[in-house]
Protein backbone atom coordinates (compact mmCIF):
# COMPACT_ATOMS: atom_id res chain seq x y z
CA UNK A 1 -0.17 0.05 0.06
CA UNK A 2 1.08 3.45 -0.65
CA UNK A 3 1.31 6.15 1.98
CA UNK A 4 -1.77 7.67 0.45
CA UNK A 5 -4.04 4.46 0.66
CA UNK A 6 -7.45 4.82 2.26
CA UNK A 7 -9.72 2.02 3.32
CA UNK A 8 -13.64 2.33 2.75
CA UNK A 9 -15.76 -0.29 4.76
CA UNK A 10 -19.56 -0.65 4.20
CA UNK A 11 -22.12 -3.26 5.88
CA UNK A 12 -25.71 -2.50 5.26
CA UNK A 13 -28.89 -4.16 4.06
CA UNK A 14 -28.68 -5.30 0.76
CA UNK A 15 -30.61 -3.40 -2.28
CA UNK A 16 -29.81 -3.19 -6.04
CA UNK A 17 -27.19 -0.46 -6.96
CA UNK A 18 -25.24 -0.25 -4.04
CA UNK A 19 -21.89 -0.96 -5.81
CA UNK A 20 -22.62 1.68 -8.25
CA UNK A 21 -23.62 4.10 -5.75
CA UNK A 22 -20.48 3.62 -3.65
CA UNK A 23 -18.21 3.75 -6.60
CA UNK A 24 -19.74 6.51 -7.97
CA UNK A 25 -18.82 8.79 -4.71
CA UNK A 26 -15.20 7.50 -5.29
CA UNK A 27 -15.30 8.31 -8.94
CA UNK A 28 -16.57 11.92 -7.99
CA UNK A 29 -13.65 12.23 -5.67
CA UNK A 30 -11.32 11.01 -8.51
CA UNK A 31 -9.47 8.52 -6.31
CA UNK A 32 -8.06 5.50 -7.82
CA UNK A 33 -9.60 2.08 -6.70
CA UNK A 34 -6.74 -0.48 -6.31
CA UNK A 35 -8.82 -3.19 -4.30
CA UNK A 36 -12.32 -4.07 -4.02
CA UNK A 37 -14.14 -7.04 -2.29
CA UNK A 38 -18.11 -7.24 -2.07
CA UNK A 39 -20.39 -9.99 -0.55
CA UNK A 40 -24.04 -10.69 0.13
CA UNK A 41 -25.01 -12.70 2.90
CA UNK A 42 -28.35 -14.09 1.43
CA UNK A 43 -30.02 -15.55 4.72
CA UNK A 44 -29.77 -12.22 6.46
CA UNK A 45 -29.85 -9.94 3.50
CA UNK A 46 -26.83 -8.00 4.39
CA UNK A 47 -24.21 -6.43 2.01
CA UNK A 48 -20.41 -6.12 2.80
CA UNK A 49 -17.74 -4.26 0.99
CA UNK A 50 -13.97 -3.38 1.32
CA UNK A 51 -12.63 -0.88 -0.94
CA UNK A 52 -8.97 0.21 -0.93
CA UNK A 53 -8.37 3.54 -2.99
CA UNK A 54 -5.23 5.96 -3.65
CA UNK A 55 -5.72 9.63 -3.25
CA UNK A 56 -5.70 12.60 -1.24
CA UNK A 57 -9.48 12.86 -0.81
CA UNK A 58 -11.11 13.75 2.67
CA UNK A 59 -12.14 10.50 4.26
CA UNK A 60 -15.04 12.32 6.48
CA UNK A 61 -16.54 13.67 3.27
CA UNK A 62 -16.40 10.23 1.36
CA UNK A 63 -17.82 8.80 4.56
CA UNK A 64 -20.57 10.84 4.77
CA UNK A 65 -21.39 11.01 1.06
CA UNK A 66 -21.24 7.10 1.04
CA UNK A 67 -23.82 6.96 3.59
CA UNK A 68 -26.03 9.07 1.77
CA UNK A 69 -26.53 6.64 -0.74
CA UNK A 70 -26.99 3.70 1.41
CA UNK A 71 -30.08 2.33 3.17
CA UNK A 72 -30.71 3.52 6.82
CA UNK A 73 -28.52 2.39 9.59
CA UNK A 74 -25.61 1.35 7.25
CA UNK A 75 -22.19 1.07 8.96
CA UNK A 76 -19.31 3.15 7.12
CA UNK A 77 -15.98 3.49 7.78
CA UNK A 78 -13.33 5.43 5.99
CA UNK A 79 -9.85 6.50 6.98
CA UNK A 80 -6.37 6.38 5.84
CA UNK A 81 -4.66 2.89 6.50
CA UNK A 82 -2.48 2.84 9.66
CA UNK A 83 -1.02 0.04 11.56
CA UNK A 84 -2.95 -0.84 14.78
CA UNK A 85 -1.61 -0.94 18.14
CA UNK A 86 -1.32 -4.52 19.54
CA UNK A 87 -0.64 -5.86 22.92
CA UNK A 88 0.15 -9.74 23.14
CA UNK A 89 -0.75 -11.73 26.01
CA UNK A 90 1.05 -14.95 27.10
CA UNK A 91 1.71 -17.52 29.75
CA UNK A 92 4.55 -19.78 29.17
CA UNK A 93 4.42 -21.27 26.05
CA UNK A 94 6.77 -19.76 23.45
CA UNK A 95 5.79 -21.10 20.12
CA UNK A 96 3.04 -18.57 19.17
CA UNK A 97 4.54 -15.69 20.57
CA UNK A 98 8.10 -16.35 19.17
CA UNK A 99 6.45 -16.55 15.39
CA UNK A 100 4.66 -13.32 15.88
CA UNK A 101 7.63 -11.63 17.22
CA UNK A 102 9.83 -12.77 14.24
CA UNK A 103 7.16 -11.81 11.70
CA UNK A 104 6.66 -8.35 13.46
CA UNK A 105 10.70 -7.63 13.16
CA UNK A 106 10.60 -8.55 9.61
CA UNK A 107 7.52 -6.38 8.78
CA UNK A 108 5.10 -9.35 7.96
CA UNK A 109 2.38 -7.81 9.84
CA UNK A 110 0.77 -4.22 9.13
CA UNK A 111 0.64 -3.54 13.00
CA UNK A 112 2.66 -2.06 15.93
CA UNK A 113 3.25 -4.44 18.65
CA UNK A 114 3.77 -2.16 21.57
CA UNK A 115 4.27 -4.68 24.48
CA UNK A 116 3.98 -8.39 25.64
CA UNK A 117 1.96 -8.96 29.01
CA UNK A 118 1.91 -12.39 31.09
CA UNK A 119 0.86 -13.58 34.13
CA UNK A 120 4.25 -15.35 34.33
CA UNK A 121 8.02 -14.63 34.10
CA UNK A 122 9.36 -17.28 31.79
CA UNK A 123 9.23 -15.56 28.48
CA UNK A 124 10.69 -12.18 29.61
CA UNK A 125 14.22 -12.99 27.93
CA UNK A 126 12.47 -13.92 24.58
CA UNK A 127 10.71 -10.86 24.54
CA UNK A 128 13.65 -8.44 25.27
CA UNK A 129 15.63 -9.98 22.72
CA UNK A 130 12.85 -7.98 20.42
CA UNK A 131 13.73 -4.84 22.28
CA UNK A 132 9.82 -4.72 23.32
CA UNK A 133 8.56 -4.03 26.79
CA UNK A 134 7.47 -6.96 28.61
CA UNK A 135 5.18 -6.74 31.95
CA UNK A 136 4.46 -9.66 34.34
CA UNK A 137 1.33 -9.41 36.04
CA UNK A 138 0.93 -12.52 38.37
CA UNK A 139 -2.18 -13.91 39.28
CA UNK A 140 -1.36 -15.90 42.45
CA UNK A 141 -3.53 -15.03 45.52
CA UNK A 142 -5.56 -12.62 43.39
CA UNK A 143 -9.09 -12.99 42.51
CA UNK A 144 -10.00 -12.86 38.95
CA UNK A 145 -11.33 -9.58 39.18
CA UNK A 146 -8.20 -8.12 41.05
CA UNK A 147 -5.81 -9.68 38.58
CA UNK A 148 -7.70 -8.10 35.67
CA UNK A 149 -7.92 -4.67 37.19
CA UNK A 150 -3.92 -4.81 37.51
CA UNK A 151 -3.98 -6.13 33.90
CA UNK A 152 -5.95 -3.09 32.82
CA UNK A 153 -3.72 -0.78 34.49
CA UNK A 154 -0.92 -2.06 32.44
CA UNK A 155 -2.54 -2.36 29.20
CA UNK A 156 -4.29 1.19 29.41
CA UNK A 157 -0.97 3.55 28.58
CA UNK A 158 -0.68 1.39 25.46
CA UNK A 159 -4.07 2.12 24.17
CA UNK A 160 -4.07 -0.94 22.23
CA UNK A 161 -6.63 -1.45 19.29
CA UNK A 162 -6.37 -5.20 19.52
CA UNK A 163 -5.13 -7.84 22.26
CA UNK A 164 -3.72 -11.04 21.04
CA UNK A 165 -4.06 -13.98 23.12
CA UNK A 166 -0.94 -16.02 22.13
CA UNK A 167 -1.66 -19.30 24.25
CA UNK A 168 -2.89 -17.00 27.46
CA UNK A 169 -4.01 -19.37 29.78
CA UNK A 170 -6.38 -17.56 31.61
CA UNK A 171 -10.16 -17.10 31.14
CA UNK A 172 -11.14 -13.57 30.85
CA UNK A 173 -14.04 -12.20 32.60
CA UNK A 174 -17.09 -10.79 30.77
CA UNK A 175 -16.34 -7.38 32.06
CA UNK A 176 -12.96 -7.47 30.68
CA UNK A 177 -13.97 -8.90 27.34
CA UNK A 178 -16.58 -5.85 27.11
CA UNK A 179 -13.70 -3.50 27.34
CA UNK A 180 -12.47 -4.77 23.94
CA UNK A 181 -15.45 -5.72 21.82
CA UNK A 182 -14.61 -7.68 18.81
CA UNK A 183 -10.81 -6.69 19.71
CA UNK A 184 -9.46 -9.73 21.41
CA UNK A 185 -8.14 -12.65 19.36
CA UNK A 186 -7.54 -16.25 20.65
CA UNK A 187 -5.63 -19.28 19.19
CA UNK A 188 -7.25 -22.63 20.21
CA UNK A 189 -5.69 -26.03 19.93
CA UNK A 190 -8.10 -27.56 17.80
CA UNK A 191 -10.94 -27.47 15.23
CA UNK A 192 -13.78 -25.97 17.52
CA UNK A 193 -15.46 -27.46 19.32
CA UNK A 194 -13.65 -30.54 19.12
CA UNK A 195 -11.28 -31.77 22.16
CA UNK A 196 -12.11 -28.99 24.30
CA UNK A 197 -10.54 -29.15 27.91
CA UNK A 198 -7.46 -30.60 29.21
CA UNK A 199 -5.21 -32.99 27.21
CA UNK A 200 -6.38 -32.13 23.68
CA UNK A 201 -3.46 -34.01 22.00
CA UNK A 202 -4.14 -37.17 23.90
CA UNK A 203 -7.88 -36.67 23.18
CA UNK A 204 -6.78 -36.45 19.32
CA UNK A 205 -4.58 -39.60 19.80
CA UNK A 206 -7.22 -41.67 21.54
CA UNK A 207 -9.62 -40.81 18.61
CA UNK A 208 -7.22 -41.60 16.01
CA UNK A 209 -7.33 -38.32 14.01
CA UNK A 210 -5.91 -37.87 10.34
CA UNK A 211 -5.43 -34.22 10.76
CA UNK A 212 -4.38 -31.83 13.66
CA UNK A 213 -6.11 -28.28 13.47
CA UNK A 214 -6.23 -25.07 15.03
CA UNK A 215 -8.61 -22.46 15.29
CA UNK A 216 -8.10 -18.39 15.66
CA UNK A 217 -11.46 -16.69 16.80
CA UNK A 218 -12.53 -13.70 18.35
CA UNK A 219 -13.11 -13.66 22.14
CA UNK A 220 -16.52 -13.49 23.68
CA UNK A 221 -18.10 -14.03 26.84
CA UNK A 222 -19.02 -17.68 25.78
CA UNK A 223 -15.81 -19.52 26.22
CA UNK A 224 -14.12 -20.43 22.67
CA UNK A 225 -17.42 -19.66 21.12
CA UNK A 226 -16.56 -16.51 19.28
CA UNK A 227 -16.69 -15.95 15.71
CA UNK A 228 -14.07 -17.95 13.78
CA UNK A 229 -11.49 -16.10 11.78
CA UNK A 230 -9.37 -18.78 10.35
CA UNK A 231 -8.79 -22.54 10.72
CA UNK A 232 -5.75 -24.38 9.75
CA UNK A 233 -4.76 -28.21 9.54
CA UNK A 234 -1.67 -30.27 8.87
CA UNK A 235 -1.77 -34.25 8.24
CA UNK A 236 -0.86 -36.98 10.72
CA UNK A 237 -1.26 -40.53 10.69
CA UNK A 238 -1.00 -43.73 13.03
CA UNK A 239 2.64 -43.67 13.46
CA UNK A 240 2.35 -40.13 15.52
CA UNK A 241 2.13 -40.50 19.27
CA UNK A 242 0.43 -38.01 21.43
CA UNK A 243 3.72 -36.01 21.79
CA UNK A 244 4.37 -36.10 17.89
CA UNK A 245 0.72 -34.61 17.92
CA UNK A 246 1.66 -31.89 20.19
CA UNK A 247 4.59 -30.81 18.23
CA UNK A 248 1.97 -30.82 14.99
CA UNK A 249 -0.13 -28.96 16.99
CA UNK A 250 2.17 -26.27 17.86
CA UNK A 251 3.10 -25.83 14.18
CA UNK A 252 -0.56 -25.45 13.19
CA UNK A 253 -1.13 -23.03 15.89
CA UNK A 254 1.31 -20.75 14.73
CA UNK A 255 -0.09 -20.73 11.18
CA UNK A 256 -3.74 -20.29 12.04
CA UNK A 257 -2.69 -17.15 14.42
CA UNK A 258 -0.48 -15.33 12.14
CA UNK A 259 -3.19 -15.88 9.19
CA UNK A 260 -5.88 -14.78 11.27
CA UNK A 261 -3.84 -11.76 12.66
CA UNK A 262 -2.88 -10.50 8.84
CA UNK A 263 -6.56 -10.68 8.00
CA UNK A 264 -7.82 -8.60 10.90
CA UNK A 265 -5.00 -6.16 11.10
CA UNK A 266 -5.65 -5.40 7.30
CA UNK A 267 -9.30 -4.92 8.35
CA UNK A 268 -10.41 -7.82 6.08
CA UNK A 269 -12.92 -9.57 8.52
CA UNK A 270 -16.33 -8.61 9.04
CA UNK A 271 -18.32 -9.96 11.98
CA UNK A 272 -21.86 -11.02 10.84
CA UNK A 273 -23.74 -12.69 14.03
CA UNK A 274 -21.60 -15.74 15.14
CA UNK A 275 -19.77 -15.93 12.00
CA UNK A 276 -17.08 -13.76 10.08
CA UNK A 277 -16.95 -12.54 6.34
CA UNK A 278 -13.17 -12.60 5.26
CA UNK A 279 -11.72 -10.99 2.17
CA UNK A 280 -8.48 -12.35 1.41
């Protein structure tokens, strides 16, 4: 994307002429469309559109004019593209965190990782190698509410657009989740809702699975039931032990989480009820 690239996101009730009306506004502002996706969710009658364009036109004026050609209660956002601010939450597993830190260091994500926060201290050395702040907020001896209050105090100065749970092994309260609606992304160790709970790879081994999957999803009040962003699988067979499956699982978790974050950070994901609409 060039420095002048702007992004227009639209969601509204479907009706004829929407694409014509929206692109007509862009044409009048003499901007150059460099990428466009649209989709109609037929069961709900909802229209979704993501448009990238180059130009110096005023985003607020374009947003207002686009809104004027759409049905009532349309959701419209138009703004220059900017990298979101991100804080990563972890516990003790390093594989997803390490992968994200390397990708971030080499510019693979259009995002600014501001800090890493953990309820344990084990990963501090890994984080400091990448010249990022690390905060340990222990949970021992604290109620969930008290621990989350301390966590929020650490997060507040960073003003994160997104929180990434890179194997953060604590359940967040509904009150905490409500402070970051549709802005917390989690990686889960299976194709949800399969193999929930403890020892997922032992469960997979016991069932003789032929693929190992992982699911990246938005966090909601319902544990591991938020809208799914992406899922990935890798093949396995009868020769894999439970320990082998765990190794494959870590690999596929890395893939699923990094793919999901790329989509979210580039604003390619719309939430539609319990589902997502994703524009690759």
